[in-house]
Amino acid sequence: MRRLPVLGLLALLLLGAGCGASADPVVTGARAAGPQEATVSWVERYPEKGAALVFGVQRVRVTPQGWSADVSIRNETASAFALGDQPADLAFGVMLFADGDLKTLQAATVLPSIRRARTIAPLPPQRLEPGATWRATISAPGALADGSYLRVTFGALRALGKAPDELARPVVWITDHAYAL
């Protein structure tokens, strides 16, 4: 429940006008972050209790050519979820924030543009069945601003059948955790 207003706003931005019309609330004119790699081992449940989708980020990499992240989604609900079958249909990627404070994300009325993954390997299944886990590496070319805080985005996931009432429709997840570049 803690993320429903943000998720609804993000879903509208992503699924409506093609995502990216808003200005990034990150310091402009920043220099590019240098190469780095971190094992972050983030595990986040939505909703926090009961039947949930579990989002994971295992590793984040920044290279001279771009960025990548090793991610996963585990379906701990009784419903299957549709994920789509083409990277252009999906909202997997990263967002850059001026700070790593979760309260900043929760209070945001304008979200930074999503930097969509251009490569998702392997592509998600068209249906993520109950009890199933999908793991992949998402990546894209392009520099990321040094000093910003990276959050990973997942979605959009649509329940096929009855989903827990606490889940937004569709589910687009922005990680609670942030990685300082």
N, C-alpha and C. Protein backbone atom coordinates (compact mmCIF):
# COMPACT_ATOMS: atom_id res chain seq x y z
N MET A 1 0.80 -1.19 0.00
CA MET A 1 0.00 0.00 0.00
C MET A 1 0.84 1.25 0.00
N ARG A 2 2.03 1.17 0.53
CA ARG A 2 2.87 2.36 0.69
C ARG A 2 3.21 3.01 -0.63
N ARG A 3 3.10 2.30 -1.76
CA ARG A 3 3.54 2.85 -3.03
C ARG A 3 2.42 3.06 -4.02
N LEU A 4 1.18 2.84 -3.67
CA LEU A 4 0.11 2.91 -4.65
C LEU A 4 0.01 4.26 -5.35
N PRO A 5 0.05 5.42 -4.66
CA PRO A 5 -0.04 6.67 -5.40
C PRO A 5 1.12 6.85 -6.38
N VAL A 6 2.32 6.52 -5.97
CA VAL A 6 3.48 6.65 -6.86
C VAL A 6 3.34 5.69 -8.03
N LEU A 7 2.90 4.46 -7.75
CA LEU A 7 2.77 3.48 -8.82
C LEU A 7 1.72 3.91 -9.83
N GLY A 8 0.59 4.44 -9.34
CA GLY A 8 -0.45 4.89 -10.26
C GLY A 8 0.05 6.00 -11.15
N LEU A 9 0.75 6.97 -10.57
CA LEU A 9 1.31 8.07 -11.35
C LEU A 9 2.32 7.56 -12.36
N LEU A 10 3.20 6.68 -11.92
CA LEU A 10 4.21 6.15 -12.82
C LEU A 10 3.57 5.35 -13.94
N ALA A 11 2.58 4.54 -13.61
CA ALA A 11 1.92 3.75 -14.65
C ALA A 11 1.31 4.65 -15.71
N LEU A 12 0.68 5.75 -15.28
CA LEU A 12 0.13 6.68 -16.25
C LEU A 12 1.21 7.29 -17.11
N LEU A 13 2.32 7.69 -16.49
CA LEU A 13 3.41 8.27 -17.26
C LEU A 13 3.99 7.27 -18.25
N LEU A 14 4.20 6.05 -17.79
CA LEU A 14 4.84 5.04 -18.64
C LEU A 14 3.93 4.54 -19.74
N LEU A 15 2.68 4.30 -19.40
CA LEU A 15 1.79 3.68 -20.36
C LEU A 15 1.06 4.71 -21.20
N GLY A 16 1.05 5.95 -20.77
CA GLY A 16 0.36 7.00 -21.50
C GLY A 16 1.21 7.58 -22.60
N ALA A 17 1.92 8.63 -22.29
CA ALA A 17 2.62 9.42 -23.30
C ALA A 17 3.99 8.90 -23.66
N GLY A 18 4.32 7.70 -23.33
CA GLY A 18 5.60 7.16 -23.75
C GLY A 18 6.71 7.41 -22.77
N CYS A 19 6.42 7.92 -21.62
CA CYS A 19 7.34 8.09 -20.50
C CYS A 19 8.55 8.92 -20.84
N GLY A 20 8.69 9.99 -20.14
CA GLY A 20 9.90 10.77 -20.31
C GLY A 20 9.66 12.23 -20.56
N ALA A 21 8.44 12.72 -20.43
CA ALA A 21 8.17 14.12 -20.67
C ALA A 21 8.56 14.99 -19.48
N SER A 22 8.75 14.39 -18.32
CA SER A 22 9.06 15.18 -17.13
C SER A 22 10.56 15.41 -17.02
N ALA A 23 10.90 16.51 -16.36
CA ALA A 23 12.31 16.82 -16.14
C ALA A 23 12.83 15.98 -14.98
N ASP A 24 14.04 15.50 -15.10
CA ASP A 24 14.63 14.71 -14.04
C ASP A 24 15.00 15.60 -12.87
N PRO A 25 14.53 15.25 -11.64
CA PRO A 25 14.93 16.02 -10.47
C PRO A 25 16.30 15.59 -9.98
N VAL A 26 17.28 15.61 -10.86
CA VAL A 26 18.66 15.27 -10.56
C VAL A 26 19.49 16.47 -10.99
N VAL A 27 20.60 16.69 -10.33
CA VAL A 27 21.45 17.82 -10.67
C VAL A 27 21.82 17.74 -12.15
N THR A 28 21.51 18.83 -12.89
CA THR A 28 21.85 18.86 -14.31
C THR A 28 23.30 19.31 -14.47
N GLY A 29 23.89 18.95 -15.57
CA GLY A 29 25.28 19.31 -15.83
C GLY A 29 26.27 18.46 -15.06
N ALA A 30 25.80 17.39 -14.44
CA ALA A 30 26.68 16.52 -13.68
C ALA A 30 27.59 15.75 -14.63
N ARG A 31 28.73 15.33 -14.14
CA ARG A 31 29.63 14.52 -14.96
C ARG A 31 29.19 13.06 -14.89
N ALA A 32 29.63 12.28 -15.85
CA ALA A 32 29.26 10.87 -15.92
C ALA A 32 29.93 10.08 -14.81
N ALA A 33 29.18 9.17 -14.23
CA ALA A 33 29.74 8.28 -13.21
C ALA A 33 30.78 7.37 -13.87
N GLY A 34 31.84 7.09 -13.16
CA GLY A 34 32.87 6.20 -13.65
C GLY A 34 32.45 4.74 -13.55
N PRO A 35 33.23 3.84 -14.16
CA PRO A 35 32.92 2.42 -14.09
C PRO A 35 32.88 1.94 -12.64
N GLN A 36 31.89 1.13 -12.34
CA GLN A 36 31.73 0.57 -11.00
C GLN A 36 30.82 -0.65 -11.05
N GLU A 37 30.96 -1.48 -10.06
CA GLU A 37 30.14 -2.69 -9.95
C GLU A 37 29.89 -2.95 -8.49
N ALA A 38 28.64 -3.30 -8.15
CA ALA A 38 28.31 -3.55 -6.75
C ALA A 38 27.32 -4.70 -6.65
N THR A 39 27.56 -5.59 -5.71
CA THR A 39 26.58 -6.60 -5.34
C THR A 39 25.68 -5.94 -4.30
N VAL A 40 24.41 -5.75 -4.65
CA VAL A 40 23.51 -5.03 -3.75
C VAL A 40 22.54 -5.95 -3.02
N SER A 41 22.16 -7.07 -3.61
CA SER A 41 21.31 -8.07 -2.97
C SER A 41 20.02 -7.49 -2.38
N TRP A 42 19.33 -6.65 -3.16
CA TRP A 42 18.07 -6.08 -2.71
C TRP A 42 16.95 -7.09 -2.91
N VAL A 43 16.09 -7.23 -1.90
CA VAL A 43 14.89 -8.07 -1.99
C VAL A 43 13.75 -7.24 -1.42
N GLU A 44 12.71 -7.01 -2.24
CA GLU A 44 11.60 -6.17 -1.82
C GLU A 44 10.27 -6.85 -2.17
N ARG A 45 9.39 -6.94 -1.17
CA ARG A 45 8.08 -7.58 -1.33
C ARG A 45 7.01 -6.53 -1.55
N TYR A 46 6.09 -6.83 -2.45
CA TYR A 46 4.93 -5.96 -2.65
C TYR A 46 3.69 -6.82 -2.81
N PRO A 47 2.73 -6.70 -1.87
CA PRO A 47 2.80 -5.95 -0.62
C PRO A 47 3.76 -6.62 0.37
N GLU A 48 4.04 -5.92 1.46
CA GLU A 48 5.04 -6.40 2.41
C GLU A 48 4.65 -7.70 3.09
N LYS A 49 3.34 -7.93 3.31
CA LYS A 49 2.88 -9.14 3.99
C LYS A 49 1.89 -9.89 3.11
N GLY A 50 1.83 -11.20 3.30
CA GLY A 50 0.88 -12.02 2.57
C GLY A 50 1.37 -12.34 1.16
N ALA A 51 0.40 -12.68 0.30
CA ALA A 51 0.71 -13.00 -1.10
C ALA A 51 1.35 -11.78 -1.74
N ALA A 52 2.48 -11.98 -2.43
CA ALA A 52 3.25 -10.83 -2.91
C ALA A 52 4.02 -11.15 -4.18
N LEU A 53 4.43 -10.09 -4.84
CA LEU A 53 5.46 -10.15 -5.86
C LEU A 53 6.76 -9.75 -5.17
N VAL A 54 7.82 -10.49 -5.43
CA VAL A 54 9.10 -10.22 -4.77
C VAL A 54 10.10 -9.79 -5.84
N PHE A 55 10.57 -8.54 -5.71
CA PHE A 55 11.48 -7.94 -6.68
C PHE A 55 12.89 -8.01 -6.13
N GLY A 56 13.83 -8.46 -6.95
CA GLY A 56 15.22 -8.56 -6.52
C GLY A 56 16.16 -7.85 -7.48
N VAL A 57 17.18 -7.26 -6.90
CA VAL A 57 18.29 -6.70 -7.68
C VAL A 57 19.55 -7.27 -7.04
N GLN A 58 20.28 -8.06 -7.79
CA GLN A 58 21.45 -8.72 -7.24
C GLN A 58 22.72 -7.90 -7.45
N ARG A 59 22.87 -7.31 -8.62
CA ARG A 59 24.12 -6.63 -8.96
C ARG A 59 23.81 -5.45 -9.89
N VAL A 60 24.57 -4.37 -9.71
CA VAL A 60 24.48 -3.17 -10.54
C VAL A 60 25.86 -2.90 -11.11
N ARG A 61 25.91 -2.59 -12.43
CA ARG A 61 27.18 -2.29 -13.09
C ARG A 61 27.06 -1.01 -13.90
N VAL A 62 28.10 -0.19 -13.84
CA VAL A 62 28.22 0.98 -14.71
C VAL A 62 29.53 0.80 -15.46
N THR A 63 29.46 0.89 -16.78
CA THR A 63 30.64 0.73 -17.63
C THR A 63 30.82 2.00 -18.46
N PRO A 64 31.93 2.13 -19.16
CA PRO A 64 32.07 3.29 -20.05
C PRO A 64 31.00 3.33 -21.15
N GLN A 65 30.38 2.18 -21.46
CA GLN A 65 29.38 2.12 -22.51
C GLN A 65 27.95 2.29 -22.00
N GLY A 66 27.69 2.07 -20.71
CA GLY A 66 26.31 2.13 -20.21
C GLY A 66 26.17 1.52 -18.83
N TRP A 67 25.04 0.87 -18.60
CA TRP A 67 24.74 0.28 -17.30
C TRP A 67 24.05 -1.06 -17.49
N SER A 68 24.08 -1.87 -16.42
CA SER A 68 23.33 -3.13 -16.41
C SER A 68 22.98 -3.47 -14.96
N ALA A 69 21.96 -4.31 -14.81
CA ALA A 69 21.56 -4.78 -13.49
C ALA A 69 21.04 -6.20 -13.63
N ASP A 70 21.40 -7.05 -12.68
CA ASP A 70 20.87 -8.41 -12.61
C ASP A 70 19.65 -8.36 -11.70
N VAL A 71 18.48 -8.74 -12.24
CA VAL A 71 17.22 -8.57 -11.54
C VAL A 71 16.43 -9.88 -11.50
N SER A 72 15.39 -9.89 -10.67
CA SER A 72 14.50 -11.04 -10.61
C SER A 72 13.13 -10.61 -10.12
N ILE A 73 12.13 -11.42 -10.49
CA ILE A 73 10.78 -11.28 -9.95
C ILE A 73 10.31 -12.68 -9.58
N ARG A 74 9.83 -12.83 -8.35
CA ARG A 74 9.25 -14.09 -7.89
C ARG A 74 7.77 -13.84 -7.62
N ASN A 75 6.92 -14.69 -8.15
CA ASN A 75 5.48 -14.56 -7.96
C ASN A 75 5.04 -15.44 -6.80
N GLU A 76 4.74 -14.81 -5.67
CA GLU A 76 4.25 -15.54 -4.49
C GLU A 76 2.76 -15.32 -4.29
N THR A 77 2.04 -15.09 -5.39
CA THR A 77 0.59 -14.94 -5.33
C THR A 77 -0.06 -16.18 -5.96
N ALA A 78 -1.38 -16.23 -5.93
CA ALA A 78 -2.11 -17.34 -6.56
C ALA A 78 -2.47 -17.02 -8.01
N SER A 79 -2.11 -15.84 -8.49
CA SER A 79 -2.44 -15.43 -9.86
C SER A 79 -1.20 -15.40 -10.75
N ALA A 80 -1.39 -15.67 -12.02
CA ALA A 80 -0.32 -15.47 -12.99
C ALA A 80 -0.29 -13.98 -13.34
N PHE A 81 0.87 -13.50 -13.77
CA PHE A 81 1.03 -12.12 -14.19
C PHE A 81 1.58 -12.07 -15.60
N ALA A 82 1.03 -11.19 -16.43
CA ALA A 82 1.53 -10.96 -17.78
C ALA A 82 2.60 -9.90 -17.70
N LEU A 83 3.73 -10.16 -18.37
CA LEU A 83 4.84 -9.23 -18.36
C LEU A 83 5.12 -8.61 -19.72
N GLY A 84 4.57 -9.14 -20.78
CA GLY A 84 4.90 -8.65 -22.12
C GLY A 84 6.04 -9.46 -22.69
N ASP A 85 6.31 -9.26 -23.98
CA ASP A 85 7.35 -10.09 -24.60
C ASP A 85 8.37 -9.30 -25.40
N GLN A 86 8.32 -7.98 -25.36
CA GLN A 86 9.30 -7.16 -26.08
C GLN A 86 9.83 -6.08 -25.14
N PRO A 87 11.13 -5.76 -25.21
CA PRO A 87 11.66 -4.70 -24.34
C PRO A 87 10.90 -3.38 -24.46
N ALA A 88 10.41 -3.04 -25.65
CA ALA A 88 9.69 -1.78 -25.83
C ALA A 88 8.36 -1.76 -25.08
N ASP A 89 7.79 -2.93 -24.78
CA ASP A 89 6.52 -3.02 -24.05
C ASP A 89 6.72 -2.92 -22.55
N LEU A 90 7.94 -2.96 -22.10
CA LEU A 90 8.22 -3.11 -20.68
C LEU A 90 8.81 -1.84 -20.08
N ALA A 91 8.65 -1.68 -18.79
CA ALA A 91 9.17 -0.51 -18.07
C ALA A 91 10.34 -0.93 -17.17
N PHE A 92 11.14 -1.86 -17.64
CA PHE A 92 12.32 -2.24 -16.89
C PHE A 92 13.42 -1.24 -17.20
N GLY A 93 14.10 -0.78 -16.18
CA GLY A 93 15.16 0.19 -16.38
C GLY A 93 15.63 0.77 -15.07
N VAL A 94 16.15 1.98 -15.13
CA VAL A 94 16.62 2.66 -13.93
C VAL A 94 16.10 4.10 -13.92
N MET A 95 16.03 4.64 -12.73
CA MET A 95 15.71 6.06 -12.53
C MET A 95 16.81 6.64 -11.67
N LEU A 96 17.16 7.89 -11.92
CA LEU A 96 18.19 8.57 -11.13
C LEU A 96 17.55 9.65 -10.28
N PHE A 97 17.89 9.66 -9.00
CA PHE A 97 17.35 10.61 -8.04
C PHE A 97 18.48 11.43 -7.43
N ALA A 98 18.13 12.60 -6.91
CA ALA A 98 19.11 13.48 -6.28
C ALA A 98 19.56 12.96 -4.92
N ASP A 99 18.73 12.12 -4.27
CA ASP A 99 19.13 11.51 -3.00
C ASP A 99 18.58 10.10 -2.92
N GLY A 100 19.04 9.36 -1.93
CA GLY A 100 18.64 7.97 -1.78
C GLY A 100 17.56 7.77 -0.74
N ASP A 101 16.95 8.84 -0.25
CA ASP A 101 15.95 8.77 0.80
C ASP A 101 14.62 8.25 0.23
N LEU A 102 14.09 7.17 0.80
CA LEU A 102 12.83 6.60 0.34
C LEU A 102 11.69 7.61 0.48
N LYS A 103 11.75 8.47 1.48
CA LYS A 103 10.69 9.47 1.66
C LYS A 103 10.62 10.42 0.47
N THR A 104 11.75 10.70 -0.17
CA THR A 104 11.76 11.54 -1.36
C THR A 104 10.95 10.88 -2.48
N LEU A 105 11.16 9.58 -2.67
CA LEU A 105 10.42 8.84 -3.69
C LEU A 105 8.93 8.84 -3.35
N GLN A 106 8.59 8.55 -2.12
CA GLN A 106 7.19 8.45 -1.72
C GLN A 106 6.46 9.78 -1.84
N ALA A 107 7.16 10.88 -1.65
CA ALA A 107 6.53 12.20 -1.70
C ALA A 107 6.58 12.83 -3.09
N ALA A 108 7.25 12.19 -4.04
CA ALA A 108 7.45 12.79 -5.37
C ALA A 108 6.13 13.01 -6.10
N THR A 109 5.99 14.20 -6.65
CA THR A 109 4.86 14.48 -7.53
C THR A 109 5.30 14.44 -8.99
N VAL A 110 6.60 14.60 -9.20
CA VAL A 110 7.19 14.45 -10.53
C VAL A 110 8.32 13.44 -10.39
N LEU A 111 8.27 12.40 -11.20
CA LEU A 111 9.31 11.38 -11.15
C LEU A 111 10.32 11.61 -12.26
N PRO A 112 11.58 11.20 -12.03
CA PRO A 112 12.56 11.30 -13.11
C PRO A 112 12.17 10.38 -14.26
N SER A 113 12.67 10.70 -15.42
CA SER A 113 12.42 9.85 -16.59
C SER A 113 13.03 8.48 -16.35
N ILE A 114 12.33 7.46 -16.81
CA ILE A 114 12.89 6.11 -16.74
C ILE A 114 13.91 5.98 -17.86
N ARG A 115 15.04 5.41 -17.54
CA ARG A 115 16.04 5.07 -18.55
C ARG A 115 15.83 3.60 -18.85
N ARG A 116 15.02 3.36 -19.86
CA ARG A 116 14.58 2.00 -20.18
C ARG A 116 15.74 1.10 -20.58
N ALA A 117 15.62 -0.14 -20.15
CA ALA A 117 16.57 -1.15 -20.60
C ALA A 117 16.35 -1.37 -22.10
N ARG A 118 17.42 -1.41 -22.84
CA ARG A 118 17.31 -1.72 -24.28
C ARG A 118 17.50 -3.21 -24.52
N THR A 119 18.18 -3.85 -23.57
CA THR A 119 18.39 -5.30 -23.66
C THR A 119 17.88 -5.93 -22.39
N ILE A 120 17.10 -6.99 -22.54
CA ILE A 120 16.61 -7.78 -21.42
C ILE A 120 16.88 -9.23 -21.80
N ALA A 121 17.78 -9.87 -21.04
CA ALA A 121 18.16 -11.24 -21.41
C ALA A 121 18.20 -12.14 -20.17
N PRO A 122 17.42 -13.20 -20.20
CA PRO A 122 16.42 -13.53 -21.21
C PRO A 122 15.17 -12.68 -21.03
N LEU A 123 14.40 -12.55 -22.12
CA LEU A 123 13.13 -11.82 -22.04
C LEU A 123 12.23 -12.50 -21.01
N PRO A 124 11.35 -11.73 -20.38
CA PRO A 124 10.45 -12.35 -19.41
C PRO A 124 9.46 -13.27 -20.09
N PRO A 125 8.96 -14.24 -19.34
CA PRO A 125 7.91 -15.09 -19.92
C PRO A 125 6.66 -14.25 -20.13
N GLN A 126 5.82 -14.65 -21.05
CA GLN A 126 4.56 -13.92 -21.24
C GLN A 126 3.68 -14.03 -20.01
N ARG A 127 3.83 -15.14 -19.27
CA ARG A 127 3.08 -15.35 -18.03
C ARG A 127 4.06 -15.77 -16.95
N LEU A 128 4.04 -15.04 -15.85
CA LEU A 128 4.81 -15.44 -14.68
C LEU A 128 3.84 -16.16 -13.76
N GLU A 129 3.94 -17.47 -13.76
CA GLU A 129 2.98 -18.32 -13.04
C GLU A 129 3.20 -18.23 -11.53
N PRO A 130 2.17 -18.57 -10.73
CA PRO A 130 2.34 -18.62 -9.28
C PRO A 130 3.50 -19.54 -8.92
N GLY A 131 4.35 -19.09 -8.02
CA GLY A 131 5.51 -19.88 -7.58
C GLY A 131 6.72 -19.76 -8.49
N ALA A 132 6.59 -19.12 -9.64
CA ALA A 132 7.70 -19.02 -10.59
C ALA A 132 8.58 -17.81 -10.30
N THR A 133 9.86 -17.93 -10.70
CA THR A 133 10.81 -16.83 -10.60
C THR A 133 11.43 -16.61 -11.97
N TRP A 134 11.54 -15.36 -12.36
CA TRP A 134 12.22 -14.98 -13.60
C TRP A 134 13.44 -14.16 -13.22
N ARG A 135 14.59 -14.51 -13.79
CA ARG A 135 15.85 -13.79 -13.57
C ARG A 135 16.39 -13.32 -14.91
N ALA A 136 16.97 -12.10 -14.92
CA ALA A 136 17.49 -11.57 -16.17
C ALA A 136 18.53 -10.50 -15.88
N THR A 137 19.23 -10.12 -16.93
CA THR A 137 20.09 -8.94 -16.89
C THR A 137 19.46 -7.91 -17.80
N ILE A 138 19.25 -6.70 -17.25
CA ILE A 138 18.74 -5.59 -18.04
C ILE A 138 19.89 -4.62 -18.25
N SER A 139 19.90 -3.96 -19.41
CA SER A 139 21.01 -3.05 -19.68
C SER A 139 20.62 -2.04 -20.76
N ALA A 140 21.42 -0.98 -20.82
CA ALA A 140 21.25 0.04 -21.86
C ALA A 140 22.53 0.84 -21.98
N PRO A 141 22.76 1.42 -23.15
CA PRO A 141 23.90 2.32 -23.31
C PRO A 141 23.58 3.67 -22.69
N GLY A 142 24.62 4.46 -22.45
CA GLY A 142 24.42 5.82 -21.97
C GLY A 142 25.02 6.04 -20.59
N ALA A 143 25.48 7.26 -20.38
CA ALA A 143 26.10 7.63 -19.11
C ALA A 143 25.03 7.87 -18.04
N LEU A 144 25.43 7.65 -16.80
CA LEU A 144 24.60 7.96 -15.64
C LEU A 144 25.31 9.04 -14.84
N ALA A 145 24.56 9.96 -14.26
CA ALA A 145 25.14 11.11 -13.57
C ALA A 145 25.85 10.71 -12.28
N ASP A 146 27.10 11.10 -12.16
CA ASP A 146 27.87 10.88 -10.95
C ASP A 146 27.20 11.63 -9.79
N GLY A 147 27.14 11.00 -8.63
CA GLY A 147 26.54 11.63 -7.47
C GLY A 147 25.04 11.44 -7.36
N SER A 148 24.43 10.81 -8.37
CA SER A 148 22.99 10.55 -8.30
C SER A 148 22.76 9.19 -7.63
N TYR A 149 21.50 8.90 -7.35
CA TYR A 149 21.11 7.65 -6.70
C TYR A 149 20.24 6.86 -7.66
N LEU A 150 20.66 5.64 -7.95
CA LEU A 150 20.01 4.78 -8.93
C LEU A 150 18.99 3.88 -8.23
N ARG A 151 17.79 3.85 -8.78
CA ARG A 151 16.75 2.90 -8.38
C ARG A 151 16.37 2.11 -9.63
N VAL A 152 16.01 0.86 -9.46
CA VAL A 152 15.65 -0.01 -10.58
C VAL A 152 14.12 -0.06 -10.69
N THR A 153 13.61 -0.04 -11.92
CA THR A 153 12.17 -0.12 -12.16
C THR A 153 11.80 -1.44 -12.81
N PHE A 154 10.64 -1.95 -12.45
CA PHE A 154 10.10 -3.20 -12.95
C PHE A 154 8.67 -2.96 -13.43
N GLY A 155 8.30 -3.54 -14.55
CA GLY A 155 6.90 -3.49 -14.93
C GLY A 155 6.72 -3.35 -16.42
N ALA A 156 5.54 -3.19 -16.81
CA ALA A 156 4.31 -3.25 -16.04
C ALA A 156 3.83 -4.71 -15.99
N LEU A 157 3.41 -5.13 -14.80
CA LEU A 157 2.91 -6.48 -14.60
C LEU A 157 1.40 -6.40 -14.43
N ARG A 158 0.69 -7.22 -15.17
CA ARG A 158 -0.78 -7.24 -15.11
C ARG A 158 -1.26 -8.60 -14.63
N ALA A 159 -2.09 -8.58 -13.59
CA ALA A 159 -2.63 -9.82 -13.06
C ALA A 159 -3.56 -10.47 -14.08
N LEU A 160 -3.43 -11.76 -14.22
CA LEU A 160 -4.33 -12.55 -15.05
C LEU A 160 -5.24 -13.30 -14.08
N GLY A 161 -6.41 -12.79 -13.87
CA GLY A 161 -7.29 -13.35 -12.85
C GLY A 161 -7.27 -12.48 -11.61
N LYS A 162 -7.73 -13.02 -10.52
CA LYS A 162 -7.85 -12.29 -9.25
C LYS A 162 -6.48 -12.14 -8.61
N ALA A 163 -6.09 -10.91 -8.37
CA ALA A 163 -4.83 -10.61 -7.69
C ALA A 163 -5.14 -10.10 -6.29
N PRO A 164 -4.17 -10.15 -5.39
CA PRO A 164 -4.40 -9.58 -4.06
C PRO A 164 -4.89 -8.14 -4.18
N ASP A 165 -5.87 -7.77 -3.36
CA ASP A 165 -6.47 -6.43 -3.42
C ASP A 165 -5.45 -5.32 -3.19
N GLU A 166 -4.37 -5.61 -2.48
CA GLU A 166 -3.37 -4.59 -2.15
C GLU A 166 -2.50 -4.20 -3.34
N LEU A 167 -2.54 -4.97 -4.41
CA LEU A 167 -1.68 -4.69 -5.57
C LEU A 167 -2.29 -3.64 -6.48
N ALA A 168 -1.46 -2.70 -6.93
CA ALA A 168 -1.88 -1.72 -7.92
C ALA A 168 -2.15 -2.43 -9.24
N ARG A 169 -2.92 -1.82 -10.10
CA ARG A 169 -3.21 -2.39 -11.41
C ARG A 169 -2.89 -1.34 -12.46
N PRO A 170 -1.90 -1.53 -13.30
CA PRO A 170 -0.89 -2.59 -13.26
C PRO A 170 0.16 -2.29 -12.19
N VAL A 171 1.00 -3.29 -11.92
CA VAL A 171 2.10 -3.10 -10.97
C VAL A 171 3.33 -2.60 -11.73
N VAL A 172 3.82 -1.46 -11.31
CA VAL A 172 5.11 -0.94 -11.77
C VAL A 172 5.88 -0.65 -10.49
N TRP A 173 6.99 -1.33 -10.28
CA TRP A 173 7.74 -1.21 -9.03
C TRP A 173 9.01 -0.38 -9.23
N ILE A 174 9.23 0.54 -8.32
CA ILE A 174 10.48 1.30 -8.24
C ILE A 174 11.12 0.86 -6.93
N THR A 175 12.36 0.43 -6.97
CA THR A 175 12.96 -0.13 -5.76
C THR A 175 13.01 0.89 -4.62
N ASP A 176 12.77 0.36 -3.41
CA ASP A 176 12.93 1.17 -2.20
C ASP A 176 14.40 1.49 -1.99
N HIS A 177 15.25 0.55 -2.31
CA HIS A 177 16.69 0.74 -2.17
C HIS A 177 17.22 1.63 -3.29
N ALA A 178 18.32 2.30 -3.01
CA ALA A 178 18.98 3.14 -4.01
C ALA A 178 20.47 2.92 -3.91
N TYR A 179 21.14 2.98 -5.04
CA TYR A 179 22.60 2.82 -5.11
C TYR A 179 23.22 4.15 -5.46
N ALA A 180 24.17 4.61 -4.63
CA ALA A 180 24.84 5.90 -4.85
C ALA A 180 25.91 5.72 -5.91
N LEU A 181 25.77 6.49 -7.00
CA LEU A 181 26.77 6.45 -8.07
C LEU A 181 27.93 7.39 -7.75
